[in-house]
C-alpha atoms as a PDB file:
ATOM      1  CA  MET A   1      64.444 101.785   3.835  1.00  0.00           C
ATOM      2  CA  THR A   2      66.459 100.745   6.517  1.00  0.00           C
ATOM      3  CA  THR A   3      65.309 102.598   9.699  1.00  0.00           C
ATOM      4  CA  MET A   4      66.399 103.036  13.381  1.00  0.00           C
ATOM      5  CA  ARG A   5      65.377 104.178  16.766  1.00  0.00           C
ATOM      6  CA  ALA A   6      65.612 107.539  17.976  1.00  0.00           C
ATOM      7  CA  ALA A   7      64.432 109.366  20.530  1.00  0.00           C
ATOM      8  CA  ARG A   8      63.042 112.643  19.143  1.00  0.00           C
ATOM      9  CA  LEU A   9      61.807 115.906  21.027  1.00  0.00           C
ATOM     10  CA  ASN A  10      59.018 118.127  19.295  1.00  0.00           C
ATOM     11  CA  VAL A  11      60.198 121.514  20.045  1.00  0.00           C
ATOM     12  CA  PRO A  12      56.681 123.335  19.876  1.00  0.00           C
ATOM     13  CA  THR A  13      55.237 120.506  22.326  1.00  0.00           C
ATOM     14  CA  ARG A  14      58.397 119.953  24.292  1.00  0.00           C
ATOM     15  CA  SER A  15      57.357 116.127  24.167  1.00  0.00           C
ATOM     16  CA  LEU A  16      59.774 113.492  23.685  1.00  0.00           C
ATOM     17  CA  GLU A  17      59.337 109.958  22.128  1.00  0.00           C
ATOM     18  CA  LEU A  18      61.154 107.269  20.806  1.00  0.00           C
ATOM     19  CA  VAL A  19      60.387 106.201  17.212  1.00  0.00           C
ATOM     20  CA  GLU A  20      61.150 104.596  13.820  1.00  0.00           C
ATOM     21  CA  VAL A  21      62.941 107.127  11.632  1.00  0.00           C
ATOM     22  CA  PRO A  22      65.054 106.580   8.448  1.00  0.00           C
ATOM     23  CA  ARG A  23      68.659 105.499   8.809  1.00  0.00           C
ATOM     24  CA  PRO A  24      70.632 108.312   7.891  1.00  0.00           C
ATOM     25  CA  VAL A  25      73.385 107.971   4.973  1.00  0.00           C
ATOM     26  CA  PRO A  26      76.478 109.633   4.471  1.00  0.00           C
ATOM     27  CA  GLY A  27      77.131 112.175   2.072  1.00  0.00           C
ATOM     28  CA  PRO A  28      80.465 113.801   1.175  1.00  0.00           C
ATOM     29  CA  GLY A  29      82.355 114.654   4.141  1.00  0.00           C
ATOM     30  CA  GLU A  30      79.918 112.636   6.458  1.00  0.00           C
ATOM     31  CA  VAL A  31      80.667 109.316   8.745  1.00  0.00           C
ATOM     32  CA  LEU A  32      77.777 107.058   9.993  1.00  0.00           C
ATOM     33  CA  VAL A  33      78.346 106.180  13.560  1.00  0.00           C
ATOM     34  CA  LYS A  34      76.656 103.272  15.152  1.00  0.00           C
ATOM     35  CA  VAL A  35      76.177 104.531  18.772  1.00  0.00           C
ATOM     36  CA  ALA A  36      77.735 102.561  21.545  1.00  0.00           C
ATOM     37  CA  ALA A  37      77.309 105.261  24.608  1.00  0.00           C
ATOM     38  CA  ALA A  38      75.243 108.592  24.690  1.00  0.00           C
ATOM     39  CA  GLY A  39      75.563 110.883  28.202  1.00  0.00           C
ATOM     40  CA  VAL A  40      72.238 112.054  29.430  1.00  0.00           C
ATOM     41  CA  CYS A  41      72.748 115.974  30.313  1.00  0.00           C
ATOM     42  CA  LEU A  42      71.139 118.437  32.769  1.00  0.00           C
ATOM     43  CA  SER A  43      70.749 120.947  29.385  1.00  0.00           C
ATOM     44  CA  ASP A  44      68.528 117.866  27.819  1.00  0.00           C
ATOM     45  CA  VAL A  45      66.643 118.186  30.502  1.00  0.00           C
ATOM     46  CA  HIS A  46      66.381 121.678  30.205  1.00  0.00           C
ATOM     47  CA  LEU A  47      65.457 121.279  26.678  1.00  0.00           C
ATOM     48  CA  ILE A  48      62.626 119.175  27.202  1.00  0.00           C
ATOM     49  CA  LYS A  49      61.387 121.191  29.911  1.00  0.00           C
ATOM     50  CA  GLY A  50      61.673 124.583  27.700  1.00  0.00           C
ATOM     51  CA  MET A  51      64.485 126.094  29.699  1.00  0.00           C
ATOM     52  CA  LEU A  52      66.432 125.961  26.683  1.00  0.00           C
ATOM     53  CA  THR A  53      65.214 126.571  23.114  1.00  0.00           C
ATOM     54  CA  PRO A  54      67.829 125.558  19.640  1.00  0.00           C
ATOM     55  CA  LEU A  55      68.704 128.539  17.541  1.00  0.00           C
ATOM     56  CA  HIS A  56      69.548 127.101  14.650  1.00  0.00           C
ATOM     57  CA  LEU A  57      67.373 124.035  14.097  1.00  0.00           C
ATOM     58  CA  GLU A  58      65.763 123.502  10.589  1.00  0.00           C
ATOM     59  CA  GLY A  59      62.313 122.423  11.467  1.00  0.00           C
ATOM     60  CA  ASP A  60      60.532 121.274  14.782  1.00  0.00           C
ATOM     61  CA  THR A  61      62.042 118.268  15.853  1.00  0.00           C
ATOM     62  CA  VAL A  62      65.388 116.851  16.657  1.00  0.00           C
ATOM     63  CA  THR A  63      67.043 113.729  17.879  1.00  0.00           C
ATOM     64  CA  LEU A  64      68.758 114.734  21.413  1.00  0.00           C
ATOM     65  CA  GLY A  65      72.241 114.055  22.754  1.00  0.00           C
ATOM     66  CA  HIS A  66      75.180 115.744  22.364  1.00  0.00           C
ATOM     67  CA  GLU A  67      77.561 113.154  24.054  1.00  0.00           C
ATOM     68  CA  THR A  68      78.076 110.228  21.817  1.00  0.00           C
ATOM     69  CA  SER A  69      80.535 107.594  21.172  1.00  0.00           C
ATOM     70  CA  GLY A  70      80.726 104.328  18.919  1.00  0.00           C
ATOM     71  CA  THR A  71      81.934 102.650  16.158  1.00  0.00           C
ATOM     72  CA  VAL A  72      82.342 104.011  12.552  1.00  0.00           C
ATOM     73  CA  GLU A  73      79.493 102.062  10.425  1.00  0.00           C
ATOM     74  CA  GLU A  74      79.645 103.664   6.943  1.00  0.00           C
ATOM     75  CA  VAL A  75      82.011 106.169   5.154  1.00  0.00           C
ATOM     76  CA  GLY A  76      80.851 108.973   2.704  1.00  0.00           C
ATOM     77  CA  GLU A  77      82.821 110.153  -0.024  1.00  0.00           C
ATOM     78  CA  GLY A  78      85.759 112.550   0.598  1.00  0.00           C
ATOM     79  CA  ALA A  79      85.950 111.590   4.331  1.00  0.00           C
ATOM     80  CA  GLY A  80      89.451 111.434   5.021  1.00  0.00           C
ATOM     81  CA  ALA A  81      91.056 108.332   6.403  1.00  0.00           C
ATOM     82  CA  TRP A  82      88.329 106.945   8.771  1.00  0.00           C
ATOM     83  CA  LYS A  83      86.727 103.510   8.320  1.00  0.00           C
ATOM     84  CA  PRO A  84      84.293 100.528   9.528  1.00  0.00           C
ATOM     85  CA  GLY A  85      85.272  99.670  12.850  1.00  0.00           C
ATOM     86  CA  ASP A  86      86.897 102.874  14.124  1.00  0.00           C
ATOM     87  CA  ARG A  87      86.401 103.928  17.616  1.00  0.00           C
ATOM     88  CA  VAL A  88      85.318 107.320  18.087  1.00  0.00           C
ATOM     89  CA  LEU A  89      83.497 110.106  20.160  1.00  0.00           C
ATOM     90  CA  LEU A  90      81.638 112.844  18.217  1.00  0.00           C
ATOM     91  CA  GLN A  91      82.571 116.673  19.350  1.00  0.00           C
ATOM     92  CA  ALA A  92      79.466 118.234  20.961  1.00  0.00           C
ATOM     93  CA  GLY A  93      79.232 120.776  18.018  1.00  0.00           C
ATOM     94  CA  GLN A  94      80.901 122.010  14.676  1.00  0.00           C
ATOM     95  CA  LEU A  95      81.429 125.560  13.464  1.00  0.00           C
ATOM     96  CA  THR A  96      79.918 126.434  10.000  1.00  0.00           C
ATOM     97  CA  PRO A  97      81.380 128.254   7.068  1.00  0.00           C
ATOM     98  CA  GLN A  98      79.127 131.013   7.855  1.00  0.00           C
ATOM     99  CA  GLY A  99      80.802 131.095  11.618  1.00  0.00           C
ATOM    100  CA  ARG A 100      77.915 129.673  13.310  1.00  0.00           C
ATOM    101  CA  VAL A 101      78.445 127.300  16.213  1.00  0.00           C
ATOM    102  CA  LEU A 102      75.767 124.369  16.060  1.00  0.00           C
ATOM    103  CA  THR A 103      75.393 122.058  18.893  1.00  0.00           C
ATOM    104  CA  ARG A 104      74.763 118.362  18.276  1.00  0.00           C
ATOM    105  CA  GLY A 105      71.374 117.204  19.430  1.00  0.00           C
ATOM    106  CA  VAL A 106      70.256 120.637  19.772  1.00  0.00           C
ATOM    107  CA  ASP A 107      70.733 122.497  16.607  1.00  0.00           C
ATOM    108  CA  TYR A 108      70.830 119.130  14.473  1.00  0.00           C
ATOM    109  CA  ASP A 109      70.577 115.266  15.206  1.00  0.00           C
ATOM    110  CA  GLY A 110      72.316 113.904  18.025  1.00  0.00           C
ATOM    111  CA  GLY A 111      73.359 110.439  19.899  1.00  0.00           C
ATOM    112  CA  TRP A 112      69.974 109.129  21.170  1.00  0.00           C
ATOM    113  CA  ALA A 113      69.514 106.785  18.558  1.00  0.00           C
ATOM    114  CA  ASP A 114      70.696 103.429  17.264  1.00  0.00           C
ATOM    115  CA  TYR A 115      73.184 105.632  15.142  1.00  0.00           C
ATOM    116  CA  ALA A 116      74.426 109.281  14.494  1.00  0.00           C
ATOM    117  CA  LEU A 117      75.574 110.858  11.473  1.00  0.00           C
ATOM    118  CA  ALA A 118      78.547 113.303  11.619  1.00  0.00           C
ATOM    119  CA  SER A 119      80.831 115.613   9.978  1.00  0.00           C
ATOM    120  CA  ALA A 120      84.151 113.417   9.486  1.00  0.00           C
ATOM    121  CA  HIS A 121      86.051 116.225  11.111  1.00  0.00           C
ATOM    122  CA  THR A 122      83.638 116.298  14.169  1.00  0.00           C
ATOM    123  CA  LEU A 123      85.109 112.534  14.864  1.00  0.00           C
ATOM    124  CA  VAL A 124      88.016 112.277  17.463  1.00  0.00           C
ATOM    125  CA  ALA A 125      89.398 108.611  17.678  1.00  0.00           C
ATOM    126  CA  ILE A 126      89.408 106.845  20.918  1.00  0.00           C
ATOM    127  CA  PRO A 127      91.843 104.434  22.380  1.00  0.00           C
ATOM    128  CA  ASP A 128      90.875 100.753  22.412  1.00  0.00           C
ATOM    129  CA  ASP A 129      91.319 100.612  26.250  1.00  0.00           C
ATOM    130  CA  LEU A 130      88.758 103.601  26.658  1.00  0.00           C
ATOM    131  CA  PRO A 131      85.450 102.404  27.439  1.00  0.00           C
ATOM    132  CA  PHE A 132      82.382 103.611  25.563  1.00  0.00           C
ATOM    133  CA  GLU A 133      80.694 105.009  28.375  1.00  0.00           C
ATOM    134  CA  GLN A 134      83.770 106.658  29.665  1.00  0.00           C
ATOM    135  CA  ALA A 135      84.391 108.393  26.080  1.00  0.00           C
ATOM    136  CA  ALA A 136      81.232 109.514  25.428  1.00  0.00           C
ATOM    137  CA  ILE A 137      80.901 111.915  28.557  1.00  0.00           C
ATOM    138  CA  ILE A 138      84.175 113.835  27.424  1.00  0.00           C
ATOM    139  CA  PRO A 139      82.607 116.220  25.208  1.00  0.00           C
ATOM    140  CA  ASP A 140      80.721 118.690  27.620  1.00  0.00           C
ATOM    141  CA  ALA A 141      80.625 116.669  30.789  1.00  0.00           C
ATOM    142  CA  VAL A 142      84.362 116.957  31.442  1.00  0.00           C
ATOM    143  CA  SER A 143      85.600 119.144  28.201  1.00  0.00           C
ATOM    144  CA  THR A 144      83.233 122.209  29.566  1.00  0.00           C
ATOM    145  CA  PRO A 145      85.144 122.195  33.115  1.00  0.00           C
ATOM    146  CA  TRP A 146      88.136 121.815  31.771  1.00  0.00           C
ATOM    147  CA  ALA A 147      88.027 124.619  29.411  1.00  0.00           C
ATOM    148  CA  ALA A 148      86.479 126.493  31.936  1.00  0.00           C
ATOM    149  CA  ILE A 149      89.673 125.765  34.169  1.00  0.00           C
ATOM    150  CA  THR A 150      92.320 125.803  31.811  1.00  0.00           C
ATOM    151  CA  ALA A 151      91.157 128.757  29.487  1.00  0.00           C
ATOM    152  CA  THR A 152      88.490 130.967  30.707  1.00  0.00           C
ATOM    153  CA  ALA A 153      90.262 131.049  34.428  1.00  0.00           C
ATOM    154  CA  ALA A 154      93.922 130.199  33.300  1.00  0.00           C
ATOM    155  CA  VAL A 155      94.073 128.703  36.351  1.00  0.00           C
ATOM    156  CA  ARG A 156      97.761 128.098  37.944  1.00  0.00           C
ATOM    157  CA  PRO A 157      99.234 125.350  40.071  1.00  0.00           C
ATOM    158  CA  ALA A 158      99.129 126.331  43.818  1.00  0.00           C
ATOM    159  CA  GLU A 159      96.267 128.556  43.256  1.00  0.00           C
ATOM    160  CA  ALA A 160      93.595 128.172  45.831  1.00  0.00           C
ATOM    161  CA  VAL A 161      90.121 127.580  44.165  1.00  0.00           C
ATOM    162  CA  GLY A 162      86.196 126.901  44.938  1.00  0.00           C
ATOM    163  CA  VAL A 163      83.779 124.792  43.280  1.00  0.00           C
ATOM    164  CA  TRP A 164      79.914 125.760  43.613  1.00  0.00           C
ATOM    165  CA  GLY A 165      77.750 122.881  42.724  1.00  0.00           C
ATOM    166  CA  ILE A 166      79.393 119.054  42.572  1.00  0.00           C
ATOM    167  CA  GLY A 167      76.785 117.538  40.002  1.00  0.00           C
ATOM    168  CA  GLY A 168      77.969 116.490  36.443  1.00  0.00           C
ATOM    169  CA  LEU A 169      80.218 119.420  35.816  1.00  0.00           C
ATOM    170  CA  GLY A 170      81.539 120.417  39.624  1.00  0.00           C
ATOM    171  CA  ALA A 171      82.536 116.636  40.024  1.00  0.00           C
ATOM    172  CA  HIS A 172      85.063 116.725  37.234  1.00  0.00           C
ATOM    173  CA  ALA A 173      86.134 120.376  37.874  1.00  0.00           C
ATOM    174  CA  VAL A 174      87.319 119.141  41.184  1.00  0.00           C
ATOM    175  CA  GLN A 175      89.175 116.220  39.277  1.00  0.00           C
ATOM    176  CA  LEU A 176      90.348 118.090  36.833  1.00  0.00           C
ATOM    177  CA  LEU A 177      91.599 120.954  39.134  1.00  0.00           C
ATOM    178  CA  ARG A 178      93.900 118.452  41.332  1.00  0.00           C
ATOM    179  CA  LEU A 179      95.213 117.251  37.986  1.00  0.00           C
ATOM    180  CA  ILE A 180      96.183 120.526  36.812  1.00  0.00           C
ATOM    181  CA  GLY A 181      97.831 121.122  40.534  1.00  0.00           C
ATOM    182  CA  ALA A 182      95.343 124.123  42.124  1.00  0.00           C
ATOM    183  CA  ALA A 183      95.465 124.129  45.871  1.00  0.00           C
ATOM    184  CA  PRO A 184      93.660 124.492  48.193  1.00  0.00           C
ATOM    185  CA  ILE A 185      90.234 123.019  46.065  1.00  0.00           C
ATOM    186  CA  ILE A 186      87.521 124.009  48.488  1.00  0.00           C
ATOM    187  CA  ALA A 187      83.671 122.429  46.984  1.00  0.00           C
ATOM    188  CA  VAL A 188      80.781 123.722  48.136  1.00  0.00           C
ATOM    189  CA  ASP A 189      77.256 122.171  47.866  1.00  0.00           C
ATOM    190  CA  PRO A 190      74.229 121.945  50.176  1.00  0.00           C
ATOM    191  CA  LEU A 191      73.725 118.437  49.842  1.00  0.00           C
ATOM    192  CA  ALA A 192      75.686 115.743  51.842  1.00  0.00           C
ATOM    193  CA  GLU A 193      76.132 112.904  49.006  1.00  0.00           C
ATOM    194  CA  ALA A 194      77.765 115.714  46.670  1.00  0.00           C
ATOM    195  CA  ARG A 195      79.712 116.790  49.290  1.00  0.00           C
ATOM    196  CA  GLU A 196      80.963 113.301  50.027  1.00  0.00           C
ATOM    197  CA  ARG A 197      81.438 113.102  46.016  1.00  0.00           C
ATOM    198  CA  ALA A 198      83.552 115.854  45.867  1.00  0.00           C
ATOM    199  CA  GLU A 199      85.879 114.509  48.645  1.00  0.00           C
ATOM    200  CA  ALA A 200      86.238 111.480  46.775  1.00  0.00           C
ATOM    201  CA  TYR A 201      86.849 113.276  43.529  1.00  0.00           C
ATOM    202  CA  GLY A 202      89.989 114.984  45.468  1.00  0.00           C
ATOM    203  CA  ALA A 203      88.666 117.951  47.078  1.00  0.00           C
ATOM    204  CA  ASP A 204      90.812 119.142  50.217  1.00  0.00           C
ATOM    205  CA  VAL A 205      87.945 121.308  51.898  1.00  0.00           C
ATOM    206  CA  VAL A 206      84.099 120.504  51.463  1.00  0.00           C
ATOM    207  CA  LEU A 207      81.739 123.074  53.059  1.00  0.00           C
ATOM    208  CA  ASP A 208      78.048 123.266  53.206  1.00  0.00           C
ATOM    209  CA  PRO A 209      77.233 127.034  52.117  1.00  0.00           C
ATOM    210  CA  GLY A 210      74.905 127.357  54.761  1.00  0.00           C
ATOM    211  CA  ALA A 211      77.364 126.615  57.629  1.00  0.00           C
ATOM    212  CA  GLU A 212      77.407 129.723  59.972  1.00  0.00           C
ATOM    213  CA  ASP A 213      81.245 129.272  59.845  1.00  0.00           C
ATOM    214  CA  PHE A 214      81.535 129.335  56.127  1.00  0.00           C
ATOM    215  CA  ALA A 215      83.624 132.509  55.760  1.00  0.00           C
ATOM    216  CA  SER A 216      85.897 131.625  58.525  1.00  0.00           C
ATOM    217  CA  ARG A 217      86.551 128.155  57.402  1.00  0.00           C
ATOM    218  CA  ILE A 218      87.127 129.648  53.546  1.00  0.00           C
ATOM    219  CA  ARG A 219      89.880 132.326  55.167  1.00  0.00           C
ATOM    220  CA  ALA A 220      91.304 129.246  57.185  1.00  0.00           C
ATOM    221  CA  ALA A 221      92.048 127.226  54.082  1.00  0.00           C
ATOM    222  CA  THR A 222      93.445 130.067  52.102  1.00  0.00           C
ATOM    223  CA  GLY A 223      95.788 131.440  54.822  1.00  0.00           C
ATOM    224  CA  GLY A 224      93.360 134.531  54.397  1.00  0.00           C
ATOM    225  CA  ARG A 225      94.087 135.262  50.884  1.00  0.00           C
ATOM    226  CA  GLY A 226      90.616 134.497  49.677  1.00  0.00           C
ATOM    227  CA  LEU A 227      90.211 132.165  46.125  1.00  0.00           C
ATOM    228  CA  ALA A 228      92.312 133.257  43.088  1.00  0.00           C
ATOM    229  CA  ALA A 229      89.195 131.735  41.335  1.00  0.00           C
ATOM    230  CA  ALA A 230      85.663 130.355  41.753  1.00  0.00           C
ATOM    231  CA  PHE A 231      83.467 128.457  39.673  1.00  0.00           C
ATOM    232  CA  ASP A 232      79.513 128.649  39.918  1.00  0.00           C
ATOM    233  CA  PHE A 233      78.562 125.202  38.219  1.00  0.00           C
ATOM    234  CA  ALA A 234      74.846 125.726  40.084  1.00  0.00           C
ATOM    235  CA  GLY A 235      73.953 128.896  37.773  1.00  0.00           C
ATOM    236  CA  VAL A 236      72.013 130.136  41.206  1.00  0.00           C
ATOM    237  CA  PRO A 237      72.270 134.207  41.949  1.00  0.00           C
ATOM    238  CA  ALA A 238      72.931 133.042  45.757  1.00  0.00           C
ATOM    239  CA  VAL A 239      75.888 130.919  44.914  1.00  0.00           C
ATOM    240  CA  ARG A 240      77.544 133.355  42.936  1.00  0.00           C
ATOM    241  CA  GLU A 241      76.953 136.460  45.452  1.00  0.00           C
ATOM    242  CA  GLN A 242      78.799 134.243  47.759  1.00  0.00           C
ATOM    243  CA  ALA A 243      81.219 133.264  45.845  1.00  0.00           C
ATOM    244  CA  VAL A 244      82.543 136.928  44.635  1.00  0.00           C
ATOM    245  CA  ALA A 245      82.799 137.453  48.701  1.00  0.00           C
ATOM    246  CA  CYS A 246      84.958 134.468  48.917  1.00  0.00           C
ATOM    247  CA  LEU A 247      87.745 136.207  46.061  1.00  0.00           C
ATOM    248  CA  GLY A 248      90.783 137.469  46.957  1.00  0.00           C
ATOM    249  CA  GLN A 249      93.102 139.817  45.164  1.00  0.00           C
ATOM    250  CA  GLY A 250      92.677 139.281  41.110  1.00  0.00           C
ATOM    251  CA  GLY A 251      90.032 136.946  42.008  1.00  0.00           C
ATOM    252  CA  ARG A 252      88.201 135.472  39.222  1.00  0.00           C
ATOM    253  CA  LEU A 253      84.250 134.374  39.331  1.00  0.00           C
ATOM    254  CA  VAL A 254      83.627 132.175  36.585  1.00  0.00           C
ATOM    255  CA  LEU A 255      79.966 131.588  35.529  1.00  0.00           C
ATOM    256  CA  VAL A 256      79.221 128.156  33.995  1.00  0.00           C
ATOM    257  CA  GLY A 257      75.901 127.103  35.169  1.00  0.00           C
ATOM    258  CA  LEU A 258      73.327 128.870  33.210  1.00  0.00           C
ATOM    259  CA  THR A 259      70.632 131.105  34.741  1.00  0.00           C
ATOM    260  CA  ASP A 260      68.636 134.284  33.047  1.00  0.00           C
ATOM    261  CA  ARG A 261      68.835 136.185  36.877  1.00  0.00           C
ATOM    262  CA  PRO A 262      70.890 139.224  37.280  1.00  0.00           C
ATOM    263  CA  LEU A 263      74.355 138.841  39.129  1.00  0.00           C
ATOM    264  CA  THR A 264      74.772 141.559  41.871  1.00  0.00           C
ATOM    265  CA  ILE A 265      77.968 142.725  43.352  1.00  0.00           C
ATOM    266  CA  ALA A 266      77.184 143.751  47.047  1.00  0.00           C
ATOM    267  CA  ASP A 267      80.438 146.004  47.173  1.00  0.00           C
ATOM    268  CA  GLY A 268      81.493 147.104  43.972  1.00  0.00           C
ATOM    269  CA  THR A 269      84.186 149.274  45.749  1.00  0.00           C
ATOM    270  CA  ARG A 270      86.033 146.345  47.173  1.00  0.00           C
ATOM    271  CA  PHE A 271      85.663 144.399  43.769  1.00  0.00           C
ATOM    272  CA  SER A 272      87.278 147.452  42.100  1.00  0.00           C
ATOM    273  CA  TYR A 273      89.991 148.002  44.683  1.00  0.00           C
ATOM    274  CA  LEU A 274      90.846 143.939  44.643  1.00  0.00           C
ATOM    275  CA  GLY A 275      90.999 143.959  40.625  1.00  0.00           C
ATOM    276  CA  GLN A 276      88.314 141.278  40.621  1.00  0.00           C
ATOM    277  CA  LYS A 277      86.796 139.754  37.409  1.00  0.00           C
ATOM    278  CA  VAL A 278      83.423 137.881  36.430  1.00  0.00           C
ATOM    279  CA  LEU A 279      83.853 135.447  33.565  1.00  0.00           C
ATOM    280  CA  GLY A 280      81.031 133.835  31.507  1.00  0.00           C
ATOM    281  CA  HIS A 281      82.015 130.251  30.199  1.00  0.00           C
ATOM    282  CA  TYR A 282      80.040 128.176  27.578  1.00  0.00           C
ATOM    283  CA  GLY A 283      81.126 124.693  26.409  1.00  0.00           C
ATOM    284  CA  SER A 284      84.510 123.839  24.640  1.00  0.00           C
ATOM    285  CA  VAL A 285      86.654 123.734  21.286  1.00  0.00           C
ATOM    286  CA  ASP A 286      87.489 120.780  19.825  1.00  0.00           C
ATOM    287  CA  THR A 287      91.374 120.991  21.284  1.00  0.00           C
ATOM    288  CA  HIS A 288      89.821 120.489  24.597  1.00  0.00           C
ATOM    289  CA  VAL A 289      88.326 117.274  23.808  1.00  0.00           C
ATOM    290  CA  VAL A 290      91.512 116.258  22.101  1.00  0.00           C
ATOM    291  CA  GLU A 291      93.307 117.242  25.282  1.00  0.00           C
ATOM    292  CA  LEU A 292      91.388 115.164  27.630  1.00  0.00           C
ATOM    293  CA  VAL A 293      91.091 112.059  25.373  1.00  0.00           C
ATOM    294  CA  ARG A 294      95.116 111.854  25.242  1.00  0.00           C
ATOM    295  CA  LEU A 295      95.193 112.573  29.183  1.00  0.00           C
ATOM    296  CA  ALA A 296      92.568 109.500  29.479  1.00  0.00           C
ATOM    297  CA  GLY A 297      94.926 107.400  27.090  1.00  0.00           C
ATOM    298  CA  ALA A 298      97.783 107.965  29.195  1.00  0.00           C
ATOM    299  CA  LYS A 299      95.858 106.994  32.308  1.00  0.00           C
ATOM    300  CA  ARG A 300      96.270 110.490  34.180  1.00  0.00           C
ATOM    301  CA  LEU A 301      92.299 111.029  33.989  1.00  0.00           C
ATOM    302  CA  ASP A 302      89.702 108.089  35.004  1.00  0.00           C
ATOM    303  CA  LEU A 303      86.321 108.319  34.441  1.00  0.00           C
ATOM    304  CA  ALA A 304      84.969 105.284  35.566  1.00  0.00           C
ATOM    305  CA  ARG A 305      83.359 106.442  38.655  1.00  0.00           C
ATOM    306  CA  SER A 306      81.665 109.033  36.836  1.00  0.00           C
ATOM    307  CA  ILE A 307      79.374 106.427  35.060  1.00  0.00           C
ATOM    308  CA  SER A 308      76.184 106.176  37.453  1.00  0.00           C
ATOM    309  CA  ASP A 309      74.524 104.180  35.922  1.00  0.00           C
ATOM    310  CA  VAL A 310      73.857 102.520  32.000  1.00  0.00           C
ATOM    311  CA  LEU A 311      70.289 102.182  30.495  1.00  0.00           C
ATOM    312  CA  PRO A 312      68.830 100.855  27.452  1.00  0.00           C
ATOM    313  CA  LEU A 313      67.658 103.304  24.874  1.00  0.00           C
ATOM    314  CA  ASP A 314      64.281 102.234  25.628  1.00  0.00           C
ATOM    315  CA  ASP A 315      64.321 103.613  29.156  1.00  0.00           C
ATOM    316  CA  VAL A 316      65.124 106.882  27.593  1.00  0.00           C
ATOM    317  CA  ALA A 317      62.050 108.460  29.345  1.00  0.00           C
ATOM    318  CA  GLU A 318      63.283 106.837  32.853  1.00  0.00           C
ATOM    319  CA  ALA A 319      66.671 108.258  32.448  1.00  0.00           C
ATOM    320  CA  VAL A 320      65.453 111.812  31.638  1.00  0.00           C
ATOM    321  CA  ARG A 321      63.378 111.722  35.195  1.00  0.00           C
ATOM    322  CA  ARG A 322      65.989 110.366  37.151  1.00  0.00           C
ATOM    323  CA  LEU A 323      68.460 113.453  36.398  1.00  0.00           C
ATOM    324  CA  GLN A 324      65.765 115.672  36.717  1.00  0.00           C
ATOM    325  CA  ASP A 325      64.461 114.699  39.862  1.00  0.00           C
ATOM    326  CA  HIS A 326      68.128 113.708  40.761  1.00  0.00           C
ATOM    327  CA  ASP A 327      67.214 110.104  41.982  1.00  0.00           C
ATOM    328  CA  GLY A 328      70.296 108.366  43.251  1.00  0.00           C
ATOM    329  CA  SER A 329      72.288 111.642  42.905  1.00  0.00           C
ATOM    330  CA  PRO A 330      73.769 110.799  39.247  1.00  0.00           C
ATOM    331  CA  VAL A 331      76.817 112.000  37.932  1.00  0.00           C
ATOM    332  CA  ARG A 332      76.434 111.030  34.241  1.00  0.00           C
ATOM    333  CA  LEU A 333      73.553 108.605  33.186  1.00  0.00           C
ATOM    334  CA  ILE A 334      74.412 106.485  29.737  1.00  0.00           C
ATOM    335  CA  LEU A 335      71.969 105.448  27.447  1.00  0.00           C
ATOM    336  CA  ARG A 336      73.042 102.069  25.145  1.00  0.00           C
ATOM    337  CA  PRO A 337      71.412 101.428  22.124  1.00  0.00           C
END
């Protein structure tokens, strides 16, 4: 029996361990991918710490990692035109015939391993000049803010937007908002290094949410109109309350950061009078990932600065610690088998 390494989470005990497991064999319609890069996301930390729990996992253990790229190793019967050596990324999830949305590395085994098994239709070809590390993070780290911007909020060129929380998702939101022509882009974060990052990614204005002149600077930056769209990537009630207060006529508050805390609208009359909206957002769909791969291939999207560090799979515990502790304020850490 051929084996491989995999970082597996025991869900009942929330223990993560790098172990030897049987290497999967692709069945009909499946492809085995040799993993070249796998992103480490805050959602992975939330799974390990018990803040998130798989809804559709069969059994008690799962290989983590929903951001994965690599090369096709072996192709099962009826898996289409894929062939060994093809450079691919793996979609972060898939829809079952029963209408369930399953997430890779949550509901079934992901990419923190030497090899990953995938349904053929969840593979996306990537250009030869797109590094595996950058391709790996497109599902989720880049596609989630892209979907929030283009689909949920439907941001239009020249609309004033605010981004709260300039971590892995928020930093890409700033970059993507600039790509589609939003203006001005106002980035909000209490950490100085995060505000510096926002400037590097293209923010027009960067603000500390605790600044005494915060409200007046929002008014000045938007010409008194307020924000057309405000994105919460932090999942913090205080952030949402501040963001709502910054919205203008018809403004949309888009909730991307996850929290189980209630949302409070302090002035319901103003909210209704101005026709404002609160929109929930989660993840992306396949077409968003394909769009981003095309943009990267056309050199419209550069993700090089998003790769904060690359660690060997053996150092998976250290990668999780660094992300959890915000050690070095990483945008994305990558595991390389």
